[in-house]
């Protein structure tokens, strides 16, 4: 498969456009939804790498579905595909965060 110069430019333009929207959205979602989830897990004493990753999977799927759903309509197969992509992205970001921040065992939360 040969990529012609015009296609390369349009592909780069499309990626830049997607990233210019996607990066700010992901930061806002991380601050507005991800940080409270982190605090809730920490306060409950259940902040583990597994829990933070599963939260990221769920949040990623929901946010990506909402994001893509706002710009296009989807059939069932596209719905599942978009959910899987969002879950993968959210889970990978949450897993990376957990590893970098050193989350290895349950946190000591408040006793209730």
PDB file of N, CA and C in Angstrom:
ATOM      1  N   UNK A   1       0.837  -1.179   0.000  1.00  0.00           N
ATOM      2  CA  UNK A   1       0.000   0.000   0.000  1.00  0.00           C
ATOM      3  C   UNK A   1       0.881   1.242   0.000  1.00  0.00           C
ATOM      4  N   UNK A   2       0.671   2.096  -0.952  1.00  0.00           N
ATOM      5  CA  UNK A   2       1.452   3.313  -1.087  1.00  0.00           C
ATOM      6  C   UNK A   2       0.608   4.494  -0.619  1.00  0.00           C
ATOM      7  N   UNK A   3       1.189   5.282   0.274  1.00  0.00           N
ATOM      8  CA  UNK A   3       0.493   6.480   0.750  1.00  0.00           C
ATOM      9  C   UNK A   3       1.008   7.670  -0.044  1.00  0.00           C
ATOM     10  N   UNK A   4       0.124   8.330  -0.720  1.00  0.00           N
ATOM     11  CA  UNK A   4       0.507   9.478  -1.515  1.00  0.00           C
ATOM     12  C   UNK A   4       0.689  10.695  -0.612  1.00  0.00           C
ATOM     13  N   UNK A   5       1.491  11.666  -1.030  1.00  0.00           N
ATOM     14  CA  UNK A   5       1.766  12.838  -0.195  1.00  0.00           C
ATOM     15  C   UNK A   5       0.518  13.556   0.300  1.00  0.00           C
ATOM     16  N   UNK A   6      -0.503  13.720  -0.543  1.00  0.00           N
ATOM     17  CA  UNK A   6      -1.715  14.420  -0.110  1.00  0.00           C
ATOM     18  C   UNK A   6      -2.433  13.666   1.003  1.00  0.00           C
ATOM     19  N   UNK A   7      -2.456  12.342   0.927  1.00  0.00           N
ATOM     20  CA  UNK A   7      -3.086  11.539   1.974  1.00  0.00           C
ATOM     21  C   UNK A   7      -2.322  11.647   3.283  1.00  0.00           C
ATOM     22  N   UNK A   8      -0.998  11.709   3.195  1.00  0.00           N
ATOM     23  CA  UNK A   8      -0.189  11.848   4.392  1.00  0.00           C
ATOM     24  C   UNK A   8      -0.485  13.163   5.110  1.00  0.00           C
ATOM     25  N   UNK A   9      -0.602  14.229   4.348  1.00  0.00           N
ATOM     26  CA  UNK A   9      -0.893  15.541   4.920  1.00  0.00           C
ATOM     27  C   UNK A   9      -2.272  15.537   5.564  1.00  0.00           C
ATOM     28  N   UNK A  10      -3.257  14.941   4.887  1.00  0.00           N
ATOM     29  CA  UNK A  10      -4.601  14.928   5.459  1.00  0.00           C
ATOM     30  C   UNK A  10      -4.662  14.028   6.695  1.00  0.00           C
ATOM     31  N   UNK A  11      -3.884  12.939   6.721  1.00  0.00           N
ATOM     32  CA  UNK A  11      -3.831  12.080   7.894  1.00  0.00           C
ATOM     33  C   UNK A  11      -3.217  12.830   9.074  1.00  0.00           C
ATOM     34  N   UNK A  12      -2.144  13.544   8.826  1.00  0.00           N
ATOM     35  CA  UNK A  12      -1.500  14.331   9.886  1.00  0.00           C
ATOM     36  C   UNK A  12      -2.443  15.431  10.366  1.00  0.00           C
ATOM     37  N   UNK A  13      -3.142  16.082   9.448  1.00  0.00           N
ATOM     38  CA  UNK A  13      -4.100  17.116   9.836  1.00  0.00           C
ATOM     39  C   UNK A  13      -5.218  16.541  10.684  1.00  0.00           C
ATOM     40  N   UNK A  14      -5.703  15.357  10.308  1.00  0.00           N
ATOM     41  CA  UNK A  14      -6.764  14.704  11.083  1.00  0.00           C
ATOM     42  C   UNK A  14      -6.276  14.346  12.480  1.00  0.00           C
ATOM     43  N   UNK A  15      -5.065  13.807  12.583  1.00  0.00           N
ATOM     44  CA  UNK A  15      -4.507  13.456  13.900  1.00  0.00           C
ATOM     45  C   UNK A  15      -4.321  14.686  14.774  1.00  0.00           C
ATOM     46  N   UNK A  16      -3.838  15.763  14.189  1.00  0.00           N
ATOM     47  CA  UNK A  16      -3.664  17.005  14.950  1.00  0.00           C
ATOM     48  C   UNK A  16      -5.006  17.526  15.430  1.00  0.00           C
ATOM     49  N   UNK A  17      -6.015  17.467  14.568  1.00  0.00           N
ATOM     50  CA  UNK A  17      -7.355  17.915  14.951  1.00  0.00           C
ATOM     51  C   UNK A  17      -7.916  17.066  16.091  1.00  0.00           C
ATOM     52  N   UNK A  18      -7.804  15.744  15.961  1.00  0.00           N
ATOM     53  CA  UNK A  18      -8.313  14.847  16.996  1.00  0.00           C
ATOM     54  C   UNK A  18      -7.578  15.071  18.318  1.00  0.00           C
ATOM     55  N   UNK A  19      -6.269  15.214  18.263  1.00  0.00           N
ATOM     56  CA  UNK A  19      -5.498  15.429  19.493  1.00  0.00           C
ATOM     57  C   UNK A  19      -5.797  16.789  20.114  1.00  0.00           C
ATOM     58  N   UNK A  20      -6.058  17.797  19.278  1.00  0.00           N
ATOM     59  CA  UNK A  20      -6.346  19.125  19.824  1.00  0.00           C
ATOM     60  C   UNK A  20      -7.657  19.140  20.599  1.00  0.00           C
ATOM     61  N   UNK A  21      -8.554  18.236  20.259  1.00  0.00           N
ATOM     62  CA  UNK A  21      -9.798  18.110  21.016  1.00  0.00           C
ATOM     63  C   UNK A  21      -9.648  17.076  22.126  1.00  0.00           C
ATOM     64  N   UNK A  22      -9.032  15.952  21.812  1.00  0.00           N
ATOM     65  CA  UNK A  22      -8.933  14.838  22.749  1.00  0.00           C
ATOM     66  C   UNK A  22      -8.094  15.121  23.980  1.00  0.00           C
ATOM     67  N   UNK A  23      -6.993  15.808  23.822  1.00  0.00           N
ATOM     68  CA  UNK A  23      -6.115  16.071  24.965  1.00  0.00           C
ATOM     69  C   UNK A  23      -6.789  16.965  26.002  1.00  0.00           C
ATOM     70  N   UNK A  24      -7.378  18.101  25.623  1.00  0.00           N
ATOM     71  CA  UNK A  24      -8.078  18.903  26.644  1.00  0.00           C
ATOM     72  C   UNK A  24      -9.246  18.148  27.298  1.00  0.00           C
ATOM     73  N   UNK A  25      -9.990  17.384  26.497  1.00  0.00           N
ATOM     74  CA  UNK A  25     -11.109  16.622  27.055  1.00  0.00           C
ATOM     75  C   UNK A  25     -10.596  15.615  28.072  1.00  0.00           C
ATOM     76  N   UNK A  26      -9.513  14.920  27.752  1.00  0.00           N
ATOM     77  CA  UNK A  26      -8.995  13.911  28.678  1.00  0.00           C
ATOM     78  C   UNK A  26      -8.478  14.541  29.971  1.00  0.00           C
ATOM     79  N   UNK A  27      -7.869  15.711  29.885  1.00  0.00           N
ATOM     80  CA  UNK A  27      -7.413  16.378  31.108  1.00  0.00           C
ATOM     81  C   UNK A  27      -8.590  16.814  31.981  1.00  0.00           C
ATOM     82  N   UNK A  28      -9.612  17.365  31.356  1.00  0.00           N
ATOM     83  CA  UNK A  28     -10.792  17.801  32.112  1.00  0.00           C
ATOM     84  C   UNK A  28     -11.470  16.607  32.780  1.00  0.00           C
ATOM     85  N   UNK A  29     -11.631  15.508  32.027  1.00  0.00           N
ATOM     86  CA  UNK A  29     -12.259  14.313  32.590  1.00  0.00           C
ATOM     87  C   UNK A  29     -11.422  13.759  33.735  1.00  0.00           C
ATOM     88  N   UNK A  30     -10.116  13.761  33.576  1.00  0.00           N
ATOM     89  CA  UNK A  30      -9.243  13.269  34.641  1.00  0.00           C
ATOM     90  C   UNK A  30      -9.404  14.100  35.905  1.00  0.00           C
ATOM     91  N   UNK A  31      -9.453  15.409  35.765  1.00  0.00           N
ATOM     92  CA  UNK A  31      -9.594  16.271  36.943  1.00  0.00           C
ATOM     93  C   UNK A  31     -10.994  16.220  37.548  1.00  0.00           C
ATOM     94  N   UNK A  32     -12.016  16.223  36.694  1.00  0.00           N
ATOM     95  CA  UNK A  32     -13.393  16.297  37.185  1.00  0.00           C
ATOM     96  C   UNK A  32     -13.907  14.944  37.677  1.00  0.00           C
ATOM     97  N   UNK A  33     -13.541  13.860  37.019  1.00  0.00           N
ATOM     98  CA  UNK A  33     -14.053  12.543  37.399  1.00  0.00           C
ATOM     99  C   UNK A  33     -12.989  11.614  37.973  1.00  0.00           C
ATOM    100  N   UNK A  34     -11.803  11.618  37.394  1.00  0.00           N
ATOM    101  CA  UNK A  34     -10.749  10.706  37.838  1.00  0.00           C
ATOM    102  C   UNK A  34     -10.228  11.010  39.233  1.00  0.00           C
ATOM    103  N   UNK A  35      -9.994  12.276  39.514  1.00  0.00           N
ATOM    104  CA  UNK A  35      -9.486  12.659  40.836  1.00  0.00           C
ATOM    105  C   UNK A  35     -10.470  12.319  41.958  1.00  0.00           C
ATOM    106  N   UNK A  36     -11.764  12.596  41.807  1.00  0.00           N
ATOM    107  CA  UNK A  36     -12.710  12.175  42.853  1.00  0.00           C
ATOM    108  C   UNK A  36     -12.778  10.651  43.032  1.00  0.00           C
ATOM    109  N   UNK A  37     -12.686   9.896  41.939  1.00  0.00           N
ATOM    110  CA  UNK A  37     -12.682   8.436  42.059  1.00  0.00           C
ATOM    111  C   UNK A  37     -11.459   7.989  42.847  1.00  0.00           C
ATOM    112  N   UNK A  38     -10.318   8.571  42.554  1.00  0.00           N
ATOM    113  CA  UNK A  38      -9.086   8.270  43.287  1.00  0.00           C
ATOM    114  C   UNK A  38      -9.264   8.556  44.783  1.00  0.00           C
ATOM    115  N   UNK A  39      -9.820   9.726  45.101  1.00  0.00           N
ATOM    116  CA  UNK A  39     -10.024  10.096  46.510  1.00  0.00           C
ATOM    117  C   UNK A  39     -11.013   9.154  47.201  1.00  0.00           C
ATOM    118  N   UNK A  40     -12.087   8.778  46.523  1.00  0.00           N
ATOM    119  CA  UNK A  40     -13.068   7.864  47.109  1.00  0.00           C
ATOM    120  C   UNK A  40     -12.419   6.519  47.408  1.00  0.00           C
ATOM    121  N   UNK A  41     -11.680   5.984  46.445  1.00  0.00           N
ATOM    122  CA  UNK A  41     -11.006   4.704  46.662  1.00  0.00           C
ATOM    123  C   UNK A  41     -10.001   4.797  47.802  1.00  0.00           C
ATOM    124  N   UNK A  42      -9.286   5.906  47.869  1.00  0.00           N
ATOM    125  CA  UNK A  42      -8.291   6.097  48.930  1.00  0.00           C
ATOM    126  C   UNK A  42      -8.967   6.202  50.292  1.00  0.00           C
ATOM    127  N   UNK A  43     -10.037   6.990  50.388  1.00  0.00           N
ATOM    128  CA  UNK A  43     -10.735   7.172  51.666  1.00  0.00           C
ATOM    129  C   UNK A  43     -11.394   5.892  52.154  1.00  0.00           C
ATOM    130  N   UNK A  44     -11.869   5.059  51.245  1.00  0.00           N
ATOM    131  CA  UNK A  44     -12.506   3.790  51.620  1.00  0.00           C
ATOM    132  C   UNK A  44     -11.477   2.709  51.953  1.00  0.00           C
ATOM    133  N   UNK A  45     -10.206   2.981  51.681  1.00  0.00           N
ATOM    134  CA  UNK A  45      -9.156   2.013  51.968  1.00  0.00           C
ATOM    135  C   UNK A  45      -9.063   0.899  50.931  1.00  0.00           C
ATOM    136  N   UNK A  46      -9.561   1.153  49.736  1.00  0.00           N
ATOM    137  CA  UNK A  46      -9.539   0.133  48.688  1.00  0.00           C
ATOM    138  C   UNK A  46      -8.785   0.607  47.447  1.00  0.00           C
ATOM    139  N   UNK A  47      -7.828   1.493  47.631  1.00  0.00           N
ATOM    140  CA  UNK A  47      -7.046   2.014  46.515  1.00  0.00           C
ATOM    141  C   UNK A  47      -5.962   0.995  46.165  1.00  0.00           C
ATOM    142  N   UNK A  48      -6.255   0.160  45.185  1.00  0.00           N
ATOM    143  CA  UNK A  48      -5.297  -0.818  44.692  1.00  0.00           C
ATOM    144  C   UNK A  48      -5.111  -0.601  43.199  1.00  0.00           C
ATOM    145  N   UNK A  49      -4.078  -1.197  42.666  1.00  0.00           N
ATOM    146  CA  UNK A  49      -3.822  -1.077  41.240  1.00  0.00           C
ATOM    147  C   UNK A  49      -4.978  -1.665  40.433  1.00  0.00           C
ATOM    148  N   UNK A  50      -5.546  -2.755  40.920  1.00  0.00           N
ATOM    149  CA  UNK A  50      -6.687  -3.371  40.233  1.00  0.00           C
ATOM    150  C   UNK A  50      -7.894  -2.446  40.250  1.00  0.00           C
ATOM    151  N   UNK A  51      -8.227  -1.891  41.406  1.00  0.00           N
ATOM    152  CA  UNK A  51      -9.403  -1.021  41.505  1.00  0.00           C
ATOM    153  C   UNK A  51      -9.252   0.258  40.692  1.00  0.00           C
ATOM    154  N   UNK A  52      -8.080   0.844  40.705  1.00  0.00           N
ATOM    155  CA  UNK A  52      -7.885   2.082  39.941  1.00  0.00           C
ATOM    156  C   UNK A  52      -7.931   1.774  38.444  1.00  0.00           C
ATOM    157  N   UNK A  53      -7.417   0.613  38.040  1.00  0.00           N
ATOM    158  CA  UNK A  53      -7.458   0.223  36.630  1.00  0.00           C
ATOM    159  C   UNK A  53      -8.886  -0.071  36.175  1.00  0.00           C
ATOM    160  N   UNK A  54      -9.644  -0.795  36.997  1.00  0.00           N
ATOM    161  CA  UNK A  54     -11.038  -1.082  36.648  1.00  0.00           C
ATOM    162  C   UNK A  54     -11.868   0.197  36.579  1.00  0.00           C
ATOM    163  N   UNK A  55     -11.597   1.133  37.468  1.00  0.00           N
ATOM    164  CA  UNK A  55     -12.283   2.422  37.413  1.00  0.00           C
ATOM    165  C   UNK A  55     -11.949   3.152  36.118  1.00  0.00           C
ATOM    166  N   UNK A  56     -10.691   3.078  35.714  1.00  0.00           N
ATOM    167  CA  UNK A  56     -10.271   3.701  34.464  1.00  0.00           C
ATOM    168  C   UNK A  56     -10.923   3.063  33.250  1.00  0.00           C
ATOM    169  N   UNK A  57     -11.071   1.739  33.287  1.00  0.00           N
ATOM    170  CA  UNK A  57     -11.742   1.028  32.186  1.00  0.00           C
ATOM    171  C   UNK A  57     -13.181   1.502  32.061  1.00  0.00           C
ATOM    172  N   UNK A  58     -13.884   1.525  33.170  1.00  0.00           N
ATOM    173  CA  UNK A  58     -15.287   1.939  33.152  1.00  0.00           C
ATOM    174  C   UNK A  58     -15.437   3.406  32.734  1.00  0.00           C
ATOM    175  N   UNK A  59     -14.658   4.264  33.349  1.00  0.00           N
ATOM    176  CA  UNK A  59     -14.728   5.684  33.036  1.00  0.00           C
ATOM    177  C   UNK A  59     -14.327   5.953  31.585  1.00  0.00           C
ATOM    178  N   UNK A  60     -13.290   5.272  31.115  1.00  0.00           N
ATOM    179  CA  UNK A  60     -12.841   5.448  29.733  1.00  0.00           C
ATOM    180  C   UNK A  60     -13.903   5.054  28.727  1.00  0.00           C
ATOM    181  N   UNK A  61     -14.576   3.932  28.976  1.00  0.00           N
ATOM    182  CA  UNK A  61     -15.624   3.477  28.059  1.00  0.00           C
ATOM    183  C   UNK A  61     -16.782   4.471  28.013  1.00  0.00           C
ATOM    184  N   UNK A  62     -17.210   4.926  29.178  1.00  0.00           N
ATOM    185  CA  UNK A  62     -18.350   5.847  29.249  1.00  0.00           C
ATOM    186  C   UNK A  62     -18.013   7.186  28.594  1.00  0.00           C
ATOM    187  N   UNK A  63     -16.877   7.746  28.938  1.00  0.00           N
ATOM    188  CA  UNK A  63     -16.505   9.067  28.408  1.00  0.00           C
ATOM    189  C   UNK A  63     -16.279   9.001  26.902  1.00  0.00           C
ATOM    190  N   UNK A  64     -15.616   7.953  26.435  1.00  0.00           N
ATOM    191  CA  UNK A  64     -15.359   7.839  25.000  1.00  0.00           C
ATOM    192  C   UNK A  64     -16.664   7.656  24.230  1.00  0.00           C
ATOM    193  N   UNK A  65     -17.589   6.873  24.797  1.00  0.00           N
ATOM    194  CA  UNK A  65     -18.897   6.720  24.166  1.00  0.00           C
ATOM    195  C   UNK A  65     -19.630   8.048  24.077  1.00  0.00           C
ATOM    196  N   UNK A  66     -19.606   8.810  25.159  1.00  0.00           N
ATOM    197  CA  UNK A  66     -20.260  10.116  25.153  1.00  0.00           C
ATOM    198  C   UNK A  66     -19.599  11.059  24.154  1.00  0.00           C
ATOM    199  N   UNK A  67     -18.276  11.040  24.119  1.00  0.00           N
ATOM    200  CA  UNK A  67     -17.519  11.917  23.230  1.00  0.00           C
ATOM    201  C   UNK A  67     -17.814  11.594  21.770  1.00  0.00           C
ATOM    202  N   UNK A  68     -17.718  10.327  21.396  1.00  0.00           N
ATOM    203  CA  UNK A  68     -17.969   9.920  20.013  1.00  0.00           C
ATOM    204  C   UNK A  68     -19.460  10.016  19.685  1.00  0.00           C
ATOM    205  N   UNK A  69     -20.316   9.696  20.641  1.00  0.00           N
ATOM    206  CA  UNK A  69     -21.756   9.759  20.429  1.00  0.00           C
ATOM    207  C   UNK A  69     -22.259  11.156  20.150  1.00  0.00           C
ATOM    208  N   UNK A  70     -21.535  12.157  20.622  1.00  0.00           N
ATOM    209  CA  UNK A  70     -21.940  13.549  20.373  1.00  0.00           C
ATOM    210  C   UNK A  70     -21.682  13.972  18.934  1.00  0.00           C
ATOM    211  N   UNK A  71     -20.738  13.328  18.276  1.00  0.00           N
ATOM    212  CA  UNK A  71     -20.395  13.743  16.918  1.00  0.00           C
ATOM    213  C   UNK A  71     -20.904  12.802  15.838  1.00  0.00           C
ATOM    214  N   UNK A  72     -21.406  11.624  16.214  1.00  0.00           N
ATOM    215  CA  UNK A  72     -21.912  10.696  15.200  1.00  0.00           C
ATOM    216  C   UNK A  72     -22.917   9.728  15.811  1.00  0.00           C
ATOM    217  N   UNK A  73     -23.678   9.091  14.957  1.00  0.00           N
ATOM    218  CA  UNK A  73     -24.593   8.043  15.409  1.00  0.00           C
ATOM    219  C   UNK A  73     -23.895   6.702  15.240  1.00  0.00           C
ATOM    220  N   UNK A  74     -24.273   5.733  16.063  1.00  0.00           N
ATOM    221  CA  UNK A  74     -23.599   4.435  16.034  1.00  0.00           C
ATOM    222  C   UNK A  74     -24.608   3.309  15.973  1.00  0.00           C
ATOM    223  N   UNK A  75     -24.239   2.240  15.253  1.00  0.00           N
ATOM    224  CA  UNK A  75     -25.012   1.018  15.329  1.00  0.00           C
ATOM    225  C   UNK A  75     -24.415   0.153  16.444  1.00  0.00           C
ATOM    226  N   UNK A  76     -24.922  -1.036  16.642  1.00  0.00           N
ATOM    227  CA  UNK A  76     -24.494  -1.872  17.766  1.00  0.00           C
ATOM    228  C   UNK A  76     -23.017  -2.243  17.670  1.00  0.00           C
ATOM    229  N   UNK A  77     -22.568  -2.599  16.479  1.00  0.00           N
ATOM    230  CA  UNK A  77     -21.163  -2.995  16.313  1.00  0.00           C
ATOM    231  C   UNK A  77     -20.240  -1.814  16.589  1.00  0.00           C
ATOM    232  N   UNK A  78     -20.589  -0.651  16.094  1.00  0.00           N
ATOM    233  CA  UNK A  78     -19.777   0.543  16.370  1.00  0.00           C
ATOM    234  C   UNK A  78     -19.816   0.892  17.853  1.00  0.00           C
ATOM    235  N   UNK A  79     -20.951   0.714  18.494  1.00  0.00           N
ATOM    236  CA  UNK A  79     -21.094   0.973  19.926  1.00  0.00           C
ATOM    237  C   UNK A  79     -20.131   0.103  20.723  1.00  0.00           C
ATOM    238  N   UNK A  80     -20.081  -1.173  20.392  1.00  0.00           N
ATOM    239  CA  UNK A  80     -19.183  -2.111  21.087  1.00  0.00           C
ATOM    240  C   UNK A  80     -17.729  -1.755  20.798  1.00  0.00           C
ATOM    241  N   UNK A  81     -17.419  -1.423  19.551  1.00  0.00           N
ATOM    242  CA  UNK A  81     -16.043  -1.065  19.185  1.00  0.00           C
ATOM    243  C   UNK A  81     -15.581   0.195  19.911  1.00  0.00           C
ATOM    244  N   UNK A  82     -16.434   1.200  19.922  1.00  0.00           N
ATOM    245  CA  UNK A  82     -16.088   2.454  20.595  1.00  0.00           C
ATOM    246  C   UNK A  82     -15.942   2.223  22.099  1.00  0.00           C
ATOM    247  N   UNK A  83     -16.801   1.401  22.673  1.00  0.00           N
ATOM    248  CA  UNK A  83     -16.697   1.073  24.100  1.00  0.00           C
ATOM    249  C   UNK A  83     -15.373   0.387  24.402  1.00  0.00           C
ATOM    250  N   UNK A  84     -14.988  -0.549  23.540  1.00  0.00           N
ATOM    251  CA  UNK A  84     -13.736  -1.280  23.741  1.00  0.00           C
ATOM    252  C   UNK A  84     -12.526  -0.357  23.628  1.00  0.00           C
ATOM    253  N   UNK A  85     -12.565   0.545  22.666  1.00  0.00           N
ATOM    254  CA  UNK A  85     -11.457   1.503  22.512  1.00  0.00           C
ATOM    255  C   UNK A  85     -11.364   2.402  23.742  1.00  0.00           C
ATOM    256  N   UNK A  86     -12.504   2.943  24.184  1.00  0.00           N
ATOM    257  CA  UNK A  86     -12.509   3.802  25.368  1.00  0.00           C
ATOM    258  C   UNK A  86     -12.059   3.066  26.612  1.00  0.00           C
ATOM    259  N   UNK A  87     -12.512   1.821  26.771  1.00  0.00           N
ATOM    260  CA  UNK A  87     -12.112   1.020  27.928  1.00  0.00           C
ATOM    261  C   UNK A  87     -10.608   0.752  27.908  1.00  0.00           C
ATOM    262  N   UNK A  88     -10.082   0.460  26.746  1.00  0.00           N
ATOM    263  CA  UNK A  88      -8.643   0.211  26.619  1.00  0.00           C
ATOM    264  C   UNK A  88      -7.836   1.461  26.939  1.00  0.00           C
ATOM    265  N   UNK A  89      -8.252   2.592  26.391  1.00  0.00           N
ATOM    266  CA  UNK A  89      -7.536   3.846  26.659  1.00  0.00           C
ATOM    267  C   UNK A  89      -7.617   4.224  28.136  1.00  0.00           C
ATOM    268  N   UNK A  90      -8.823   4.173  28.700  1.00  0.00           N
ATOM    269  CA  UNK A  90      -8.992   4.523  30.108  1.00  0.00           C
ATOM    270  C   UNK A  90      -8.238   3.596  31.035  1.00  0.00           C
ATOM    271  N   UNK A  91      -8.300   2.305  30.752  1.00  0.00           N
ATOM    272  CA  UNK A  91      -7.585   1.333  31.583  1.00  0.00           C
ATOM    273  C   UNK A  91      -6.083   1.496  31.500  1.00  0.00           C
ATOM    274  N   UNK A  92      -5.574   1.766  30.300  1.00  0.00           N
ATOM    275  CA  UNK A  92      -4.127   1.923  30.154  1.00  0.00           C
ATOM    276  C   UNK A  92      -3.627   3.186  30.849  1.00  0.00           C
ATOM    277  N   UNK A  93      -4.399   4.250  30.775  1.00  0.00           N
ATOM    278  CA  UNK A  93      -4.012   5.486  31.474  1.00  0.00           C
ATOM    279  C   UNK A  93      -4.042   5.278  32.991  1.00  0.00           C
ATOM    280  N   UNK A  94      -5.109   4.638  33.490  1.00  0.00           N
ATOM    281  CA  UNK A  94      -5.227   4.401  34.926  1.00  0.00           C
ATOM    282  C   UNK A  94      -4.147   3.444  35.426  1.00  0.00           C
ATOM    283  N   UNK A  95      -3.855   2.400  34.650  1.00  0.00           N
ATOM    284  CA  UNK A  95      -2.806   1.453  35.032  1.00  0.00           C
ATOM    285  C   UNK A  95      -1.447   2.144  35.077  1.00  0.00           C
ATOM    286  N   UNK A  96      -1.164   2.954  34.059  1.00  0.00           N
ATOM    287  CA  UNK A  96       0.100   3.695  34.033  1.00  0.00           C
ATOM    288  C   UNK A  96       0.200   4.641  35.221  1.00  0.00           C
ATOM    289  N   UNK A  97      -0.888   5.352  35.523  1.00  0.00           N
ATOM    290  CA  UNK A  97      -0.909   6.233  36.689  1.00  0.00           C
ATOM    291  C   UNK A  97      -0.629   5.442  37.967  1.00  0.00           C
ATOM    292  N   UNK A  98      -1.290   4.304  38.119  1.00  0.00           N
ATOM    293  CA  UNK A  98      -1.115   3.492  39.321  1.00  0.00           C
ATOM    294  C   UNK A  98       0.307   3.001  39.485  1.00  0.00           C
ATOM    295  N   UNK A  99       0.914   2.565  38.400  1.00  0.00           N
ATOM    296  CA  UNK A  99       2.292   2.065  38.467  1.00  0.00           C
ATOM    297  C   UNK A  99       3.255   3.197  38.787  1.00  0.00           C
ATOM    298  N   UNK A 100       3.100   4.329  38.102  1.00  0.00           N
ATOM    299  CA  UNK A 100       4.006   5.465  38.333  1.00  0.00           C
ATOM    300  C   UNK A 100       3.859   6.013  39.750  1.00  0.00           C
ATOM    301  N   UNK A 101       2.620   6.045  40.261  1.00  0.00           N
ATOM    302  CA  UNK A 101       2.412   6.607  41.602  1.00  0.00           C
ATOM    303  C   UNK A 101       2.709   5.602  42.708  1.00  0.00           C
ATOM    304  N   UNK A 102       3.016   4.363  42.350  1.00  0.00           N
ATOM    305  CA  UNK A 102       3.430   3.382  43.341  1.00  0.00           C
ATOM    306  C   UNK A 102       2.289   2.724  44.105  1.00  0.00           C
ATOM    307  N   UNK A 103       1.106   2.666  43.522  1.00  0.00           N
ATOM    308  CA  UNK A 103      -0.023   2.009  44.177  1.00  0.00           C
ATOM    309  C   UNK A 103       0.192   0.499  44.047  1.00  0.00           C
ATOM    310  N   UNK A 104       0.471  -0.160  45.175  1.00  0.00           N
ATOM    311  CA  UNK A 104       0.710  -1.595  45.129  1.00  0.00           C
ATOM    312  C   UNK A 104      -0.193  -2.373  46.074  1.00  0.00           C
ATOM    313  N   UNK A 105      -0.602  -1.775  47.152  1.00  0.00           N
ATOM    314  CA  UNK A 105      -1.483  -2.470  48.097  1.00  0.00           C
ATOM    315  C   UNK A 105      -2.536  -1.506  48.599  1.00  0.00           C
ATOM    316  N   UNK A 106      -3.588  -2.032  49.253  1.00  0.00           N
ATOM    317  CA  UNK A 106      -4.672  -1.147  49.698  1.00  0.00           C
ATOM    318  C   UNK A 106      -4.168  -0.009  50.581  1.00  0.00           C
ATOM    319  N   UNK A 107      -4.769   1.155  50.379  1.00  0.00           N
ATOM    320  CA  UNK A 107      -4.426   2.316  51.191  1.00  0.00           C
ATOM    321  C   UNK A 107      -5.094   2.190  52.557  1.00  0.00           C
ATOM    322  N   UNK A 108      -4.654   2.987  53.488  1.00  0.00           N
ATOM    323  CA  UNK A 108      -5.284   3.025  54.802  1.00  0.00           C
ATOM    324  C   UNK A 108      -6.300   4.132  54.766  1.00  0.00           C
ATOM    325  N   UNK A 109      -7.564   3.771  54.663  1.00  0.00           N
ATOM    326  CA  UNK A 109      -8.628   4.753  54.573  1.00  0.00           C
ATOM    327  C   UNK A 109      -9.163   5.122  55.938  1.00  0.00           C
ATOM    328  N   UNK A 110     -10.143   5.977  55.936  1.00  0.00           N
ATOM    329  CA  UNK A 110     -10.802   6.347  57.183  1.00  0.00           C
ATOM    330  C   UNK A 110     -11.634   5.188  57.680  1.00  0.00           C
ATOM    331  N   UNK A 111     -11.664   4.982  58.964  1.00  0.00           N
ATOM    332  CA  UNK A 111     -12.510   3.919  59.504  1.00  0.00           C
ATOM    333  C   UNK A 111     -13.919   4.462  59.655  1.00  0.00           C
ATOM    334  N   UNK A 112     -14.890   3.659  59.288  1.00  0.00           N
ATOM    335  CA  UNK A 112     -16.279   4.097  59.354  1.00  0.00           C
ATOM    336  C   UNK A 112     -17.057   3.152  60.201  1.00  0.00           C
TER     337      UNK A 112
END
